Amino acid sequence: YVDCGVTAKLTGRSGGPPTKARVRKQIIKDINRTEYWMTAEECVDYGLVDRLATQDDLFRGAK
């Protein structure tokens, strides 16, 4: 499942869903580009990660 907003951004068009192969090729192209950096928040928006983990998420209850 890929969010509609993400797929529209990936394909540069709206109106009709892109094929999975086309989306996959675009993702591979984007993540392999050395001049294309994303912040953590941009990775969430792009759909590469579901959410960001904070230190509290990781170490809650650790003493």
PDB file of N, CA and C in Angstrom:
ATOM      1  N   TYR A   1       0.842  -1.185   0.000  1.00  0.00           N
ATOM      2  CA  TYR A   1       0.000   0.000   0.000  1.00  0.00           C
ATOM      3  C   TYR A   1       0.878   1.235   0.000  1.00  0.00           C
ATOM      4  N   VAL A   2       0.626   2.128  -0.898  1.00  0.00           N
ATOM      5  CA  VAL A   2       1.349   3.400  -0.960  1.00  0.00           C
ATOM      6  C   VAL A   2       0.323   4.521  -0.929  1.00  0.00           C
ATOM      7  N   ASP A   3       0.578   5.519  -0.090  1.00  0.00           N
ATOM      8  CA  ASP A   3      -0.334   6.651   0.042  1.00  0.00           C
ATOM      9  C   ASP A   3      -0.511   7.358  -1.296  1.00  0.00           C
ATOM     10  N   CYS A   4      -1.732   7.763  -1.618  1.00  0.00           N
ATOM     11  CA  CYS A   4      -2.027   8.420  -2.897  1.00  0.00           C
ATOM     12  C   CYS A   4      -1.229   9.700  -3.082  1.00  0.00           C
ATOM     13  N   GLY A   5      -1.073  10.475  -2.023  1.00  0.00           N
ATOM     14  CA  GLY A   5      -0.300  11.707  -2.121  1.00  0.00           C
ATOM     15  C   GLY A   5       1.149  11.436  -2.448  1.00  0.00           C
ATOM     16  N   VAL A   6       1.686  10.360  -1.889  1.00  0.00           N
ATOM     17  CA  VAL A   6       3.072   9.992  -2.165  1.00  0.00           C
ATOM     18  C   VAL A   6       3.211   9.535  -3.604  1.00  0.00           C
ATOM     19  N   THR A   7       2.287   8.704  -4.090  1.00  0.00           N
ATOM     20  CA  THR A   7       2.401   8.221  -5.460  1.00  0.00           C
ATOM     21  C   THR A   7       2.229   9.341  -6.470  1.00  0.00           C
ATOM     22  N   ALA A   8       1.356  10.285  -6.192  1.00  0.00           N
ATOM     23  CA  ALA A   8       1.194  11.414  -7.108  1.00  0.00           C
ATOM     24  C   ALA A   8       2.475  12.226  -7.162  1.00  0.00           C
ATOM     25  N   LYS A   9       3.119  12.394  -6.016  1.00  0.00           N
ATOM     26  CA  LYS A   9       4.380  13.122  -5.965  1.00  0.00           C
ATOM     27  C   LYS A   9       5.469  12.357  -6.715  1.00  0.00           C
ATOM     28  N   LEU A  10       5.481  11.040  -6.566  1.00  0.00           N
ATOM     29  CA  LEU A  10       6.503  10.223  -7.214  1.00  0.00           C
ATOM     30  C   LEU A  10       6.388  10.261  -8.729  1.00  0.00           C
ATOM     31  N   THR A  11       5.182  10.189  -9.221  1.00  0.00           N
ATOM     32  CA  THR A  11       4.996  10.091 -10.660  1.00  0.00           C
ATOM     33  C   THR A  11       4.885  11.442 -11.339  1.00  0.00           C
ATOM     34  N   GLY A  12       4.698  12.493 -10.538  1.00  0.00           N
ATOM     35  CA  GLY A  12       4.574  13.814 -11.118  1.00  0.00           C
ATOM     36  C   GLY A  12       3.246  14.046 -11.812  1.00  0.00           C
ATOM     37  N   ARG A  13       2.280  13.227 -11.491  1.00  0.00           N
ATOM     38  CA  ARG A  13       0.972  13.385 -12.117  1.00  0.00           C
ATOM     39  C   ARG A  13      -0.094  12.904 -11.154  1.00  0.00           C
ATOM     40  N   SER A  14      -1.265  13.360 -11.378  1.00  0.00           N
ATOM     41  CA  SER A  14      -2.397  12.829 -10.633  1.00  0.00           C
ATOM     42  C   SER A  14      -3.398  12.343 -11.652  1.00  0.00           C
ATOM     43  N   GLY A  15      -4.403  11.678 -11.219  1.00  0.00           N
ATOM     44  CA  GLY A  15      -5.381  11.140 -12.158  1.00  0.00           C
ATOM     45  C   GLY A  15      -4.983   9.748 -12.581  1.00  0.00           C
ATOM     46  N   GLY A  16      -5.442   8.791 -11.882  1.00  0.00           N
ATOM     47  CA  GLY A  16      -5.114   7.409 -12.190  1.00  0.00           C
ATOM     48  C   GLY A  16      -3.917   6.953 -11.389  1.00  0.00           C
ATOM     49  N   PRO A  17      -4.032   5.787 -10.800  1.00  0.00           N
ATOM     50  CA  PRO A  17      -2.931   5.298  -9.980  1.00  0.00           C
ATOM     51  C   PRO A  17      -1.754   4.837 -10.831  1.00  0.00           C
ATOM     52  N   PRO A  18      -0.539   5.078 -10.363  1.00  0.00           N
ATOM     53  CA  PRO A  18       0.631   4.601 -11.095  1.00  0.00           C
ATOM     54  C   PRO A  18       0.785   3.096 -10.890  1.00  0.00           C
ATOM     55  N   THR A  19       1.520   2.452 -11.759  1.00  0.00           N
ATOM     56  CA  THR A  19       1.769   1.029 -11.582  1.00  0.00           C
ATOM     57  C   THR A  19       2.778   0.841 -10.458  1.00  0.00           C
ATOM     58  N   LYS A  20       2.741  -0.318  -9.811  1.00  0.00           N
ATOM     59  CA  LYS A  20       3.687  -0.600  -8.728  1.00  0.00           C
ATOM     60  C   LYS A  20       5.119  -0.563  -9.243  1.00  0.00           C
ATOM     61  N   ALA A  21       5.334  -1.072 -10.453  1.00  0.00           N
ATOM     62  CA  ALA A  21       6.683  -1.089 -11.014  1.00  0.00           C
ATOM     63  C   ALA A  21       7.207   0.326 -11.211  1.00  0.00           C
ATOM     64  N   ARG A  22       6.354   1.217 -11.664  1.00  0.00           N
ATOM     65  CA  ARG A  22       6.773   2.600 -11.888  1.00  0.00           C
ATOM     66  C   ARG A  22       7.114   3.288 -10.574  1.00  0.00           C
ATOM     67  N   VAL A  23       6.292   3.073  -9.559  1.00  0.00           N
ATOM     68  CA  VAL A  23       6.555   3.655  -8.246  1.00  0.00           C
ATOM     69  C   VAL A  23       7.855   3.091  -7.694  1.00  0.00           C
ATOM     70  N   ARG A  24       8.036   1.785  -7.796  1.00  0.00           N
ATOM     71  CA  ARG A  24       9.251   1.141  -7.283  1.00  0.00           C
ATOM     72  C   ARG A  24      10.492   1.687  -7.984  1.00  0.00           C
ATOM     73  N   LYS A  25      10.443   1.828  -9.292  1.00  0.00           N
ATOM     74  CA  LYS A  25      11.588   2.368 -10.033  1.00  0.00           C
ATOM     75  C   LYS A  25      11.916   3.782  -9.581  1.00  0.00           C
ATOM     76  N   GLN A  26      10.896   4.594  -9.340  1.00  0.00           N
ATOM     77  CA  GLN A  26      11.122   5.971  -8.910  1.00  0.00           C
ATOM     78  C   GLN A  26      11.728   6.012  -7.511  1.00  0.00           C
ATOM     79  N   ILE A  27      11.247   5.156  -6.619  1.00  0.00           N
ATOM     80  CA  ILE A  27      11.805   5.108  -5.263  1.00  0.00           C
ATOM     81  C   ILE A  27      13.269   4.698  -5.314  1.00  0.00           C
ATOM     82  N   ILE A  28      13.590   3.666  -6.070  1.00  0.00           N
ATOM     83  CA  ILE A  28      14.979   3.216  -6.192  1.00  0.00           C
ATOM     84  C   ILE A  28      15.842   4.322  -6.776  1.00  0.00           C
ATOM     85  N   LYS A  29      15.340   4.999  -7.784  1.00  0.00           N
ATOM     86  CA  LYS A  29      16.080   6.105  -8.390  1.00  0.00           C
ATOM     87  C   LYS A  29      16.339   7.209  -7.364  1.00  0.00           C
ATOM     88  N   ASP A  30      15.312   7.568  -6.594  1.00  0.00           N
ATOM     89  CA  ASP A  30      15.449   8.644  -5.613  1.00  0.00           C
ATOM     90  C   ASP A  30      16.419   8.295  -4.492  1.00  0.00           C
ATOM     91  N   ILE A  31      16.345   7.077  -3.958  1.00  0.00           N
ATOM     92  CA  ILE A  31      17.207   6.742  -2.821  1.00  0.00           C
ATOM     93  C   ILE A  31      18.642   6.455  -3.242  1.00  0.00           C
ATOM     94  N   ASN A  32      18.889   6.224  -4.515  1.00  0.00           N
ATOM     95  CA  ASN A  32      20.253   5.987  -4.987  1.00  0.00           C
ATOM     96  C   ASN A  32      20.961   7.252  -5.451  1.00  0.00           C
ATOM     97  N   ARG A  33      20.264   8.365  -5.488  1.00  0.00           N
ATOM     98  CA  ARG A  33      20.886   9.622  -5.920  1.00  0.00           C
ATOM     99  C   ARG A  33      21.679  10.210  -4.769  1.00  0.00           C
ATOM    100  N   THR A  34      22.973  10.431  -4.992  1.00  0.00           N
ATOM    101  CA  THR A  34      23.829  10.938  -3.915  1.00  0.00           C
ATOM    102  C   THR A  34      23.598  12.412  -3.640  1.00  0.00           C
ATOM    103  N   GLU A  35      23.018  13.148  -4.561  1.00  0.00           N
ATOM    104  CA  GLU A  35      22.780  14.573  -4.345  1.00  0.00           C
ATOM    105  C   GLU A  35      21.391  14.844  -3.761  1.00  0.00           C
ATOM    106  N   TYR A  36      20.643  13.806  -3.484  1.00  0.00           N
ATOM    107  CA  TYR A  36      19.267  13.953  -2.994  1.00  0.00           C
ATOM    108  C   TYR A  36      19.197  13.490  -1.546  1.00  0.00           C
ATOM    109  N   TRP A  37      19.171  14.449  -0.635  1.00  0.00           N
ATOM    110  CA  TRP A  37      19.114  14.141   0.790  1.00  0.00           C
ATOM    111  C   TRP A  37      17.753  14.522   1.336  1.00  0.00           C
ATOM    112  N   MET A  38      17.253  13.719   2.264  1.00  0.00           N
ATOM    113  CA  MET A  38      15.976  14.005   2.898  1.00  0.00           C
ATOM    114  C   MET A  38      16.174  14.099   4.404  1.00  0.00           C
ATOM    115  N   THR A  39      15.430  14.993   5.010  1.00  0.00           N
ATOM    116  CA  THR A  39      15.399  15.049   6.464  1.00  0.00           C
ATOM    117  C   THR A  39      14.549  13.879   6.955  1.00  0.00           C
ATOM    118  N   ALA A  40      14.579  13.651   8.245  1.00  0.00           N
ATOM    119  CA  ALA A  40      13.762  12.579   8.812  1.00  0.00           C
ATOM    120  C   ALA A  40      12.283  12.814   8.518  1.00  0.00           C
ATOM    121  N   GLU A  41      11.856  14.060   8.651  1.00  0.00           N
ATOM    122  CA  GLU A  41      10.454  14.384   8.391  1.00  0.00           C
ATOM    123  C   GLU A  41      10.100  14.167   6.921  1.00  0.00           C
ATOM    124  N   GLU A  42      11.018  14.490   6.020  1.00  0.00           N
ATOM    125  CA  GLU A  42      10.777  14.273   4.591  1.00  0.00           C
ATOM    126  C   GLU A  42      10.676  12.784   4.276  1.00  0.00           C
ATOM    127  N   CYS A  43      11.434  11.949   4.991  1.00  0.00           N
ATOM    128  CA  CYS A  43      11.340  10.499   4.799  1.00  0.00           C
ATOM    129  C   CYS A  43       9.953   9.990   5.176  1.00  0.00           C
ATOM    130  N   VAL A  44       9.390  10.543   6.238  1.00  0.00           N
ATOM    131  CA  VAL A  44       8.026  10.171   6.633  1.00  0.00           C
ATOM    132  C   VAL A  44       7.048  10.613   5.549  1.00  0.00           C
ATOM    133  N   ASP A  45       7.173  11.864   5.099  1.00  0.00           N
ATOM    134  CA  ASP A  45       6.280  12.390   4.062  1.00  0.00           C
ATOM    135  C   ASP A  45       6.388  11.591   2.769  1.00  0.00           C
ATOM    136  N   TYR A  46       7.594  11.174   2.422  1.00  0.00           N
ATOM    137  CA  TYR A  46       7.844  10.417   1.196  1.00  0.00           C
ATOM    138  C   TYR A  46       7.263   9.011   1.291  1.00  0.00           C
ATOM    139  N   GLY A  47       7.237   8.479   2.527  1.00  0.00           N
ATOM    140  CA  GLY A  47       6.707   7.132   2.721  1.00  0.00           C
ATOM    141  C   GLY A  47       7.774   6.079   2.944  1.00  0.00           C
ATOM    142  N   LEU A  48       9.036   6.499   3.128  1.00  0.00           N
ATOM    143  CA  LEU A  48      10.107   5.536   3.370  1.00  0.00           C
ATOM    144  C   LEU A  48      10.033   4.951   4.772  1.00  0.00           C
ATOM    145  N   VAL A  49       9.557   5.728   5.724  1.00  0.00           N
ATOM    146  CA  VAL A  49       9.396   5.267   7.103  1.00  0.00           C
ATOM    147  C   VAL A  49       7.992   5.631   7.576  1.00  0.00           C
ATOM    148  N   ASP A  50       7.499   4.880   8.544  1.00  0.00           N
ATOM    149  CA  ASP A  50       6.152   5.132   9.064  1.00  0.00           C
ATOM    150  C   ASP A  50       6.121   6.272  10.066  1.00  0.00           C
ATOM    151  N   ARG A  51       7.121   6.303  10.941  1.00  0.00           N
ATOM    152  CA  ARG A  51       7.159   7.348  11.962  1.00  0.00           C
ATOM    153  C   ARG A  51       8.583   7.488  12.462  1.00  0.00           C
ATOM    154  N   LEU A  52       8.816   8.558  13.218  1.00  0.00           N
ATOM    155  CA  LEU A  52      10.125   8.804  13.802  1.00  0.00           C
ATOM    156  C   LEU A  52      10.106   8.365  15.259  1.00  0.00           C
ATOM    157  N   ALA A  53      11.188   7.750  15.696  1.00  0.00           N
ATOM    158  CA  ALA A  53      11.308   7.329  17.086  1.00  0.00           C
ATOM    159  C   ALA A  53      12.119   8.370  17.843  1.00  0.00           C
ATOM    160  N   THR A  54      11.610   8.769  18.986  1.00  0.00           N
ATOM    161  CA  THR A  54      12.329   9.714  19.833  1.00  0.00           C
ATOM    162  C   THR A  54      13.153   8.938  20.855  1.00  0.00           C
ATOM    163  N   GLN A  55      14.017   9.636  21.574  1.00  0.00           N
ATOM    164  CA  GLN A  55      14.779   8.979  22.633  1.00  0.00           C
ATOM    165  C   GLN A  55      13.845   8.407  23.686  1.00  0.00           C
ATOM    166  N   ASP A  56      12.772   9.118  23.967  1.00  0.00           N
ATOM    167  CA  ASP A  56      11.792   8.608  24.933  1.00  0.00           C
ATOM    168  C   ASP A  56      11.181   7.292  24.453  1.00  0.00           C
ATOM    169  N   ASP A  57      10.897   7.194  23.156  1.00  0.00           N
ATOM    170  CA  ASP A  57      10.364   5.947  22.602  1.00  0.00           C
ATOM    171  C   ASP A  57      11.350   4.799  22.797  1.00  0.00           C
ATOM    172  N   LEU A  58      12.628   5.087  22.583  1.00  0.00           N
ATOM    173  CA  LEU A  58      13.652   4.047  22.634  1.00  0.00           C
ATOM    174  C   LEU A  58      14.040   3.646  24.048  1.00  0.00           C
ATOM    175  N   PHE A  59      14.079   4.616  24.952  1.00  0.00           N
ATOM    176  CA  PHE A  59      14.630   4.353  26.282  1.00  0.00           C
ATOM    177  C   PHE A  59      13.619   4.496  27.410  1.00  0.00           C
ATOM    178  N   ARG A  60      12.363   4.482  27.104  1.00  0.00           N
ATOM    179  CA  ARG A  60      11.327   4.602  28.125  1.00  0.00           C
ATOM    180  C   ARG A  60      11.454   3.450  29.122  1.00  0.00           C
ATOM    181  N   GLY A  61      11.589   3.790  30.368  1.00  0.00           N
ATOM    182  CA  GLY A  61      11.676   2.782  31.414  1.00  0.00           C
ATOM    183  C   GLY A  61      13.075   2.241  31.659  1.00  0.00           C
ATOM    184  N   ALA A  62      14.045   2.594  30.822  1.00  0.00           N
ATOM    185  CA  ALA A  62      15.421   2.125  31.027  1.00  0.00           C
ATOM    186  C   ALA A  62      16.087   2.975  32.094  1.00  0.00           C
ATOM    187  N   LYS A  63      16.637   2.345  33.107  1.00  0.00           N
ATOM    188  CA  LYS A  63      17.318   3.071  34.184  1.00  0.00           C
ATOM    189  C   LYS A  63      18.593   2.398  34.547  1.00  0.00           C
TER     190      LYS A  63
END
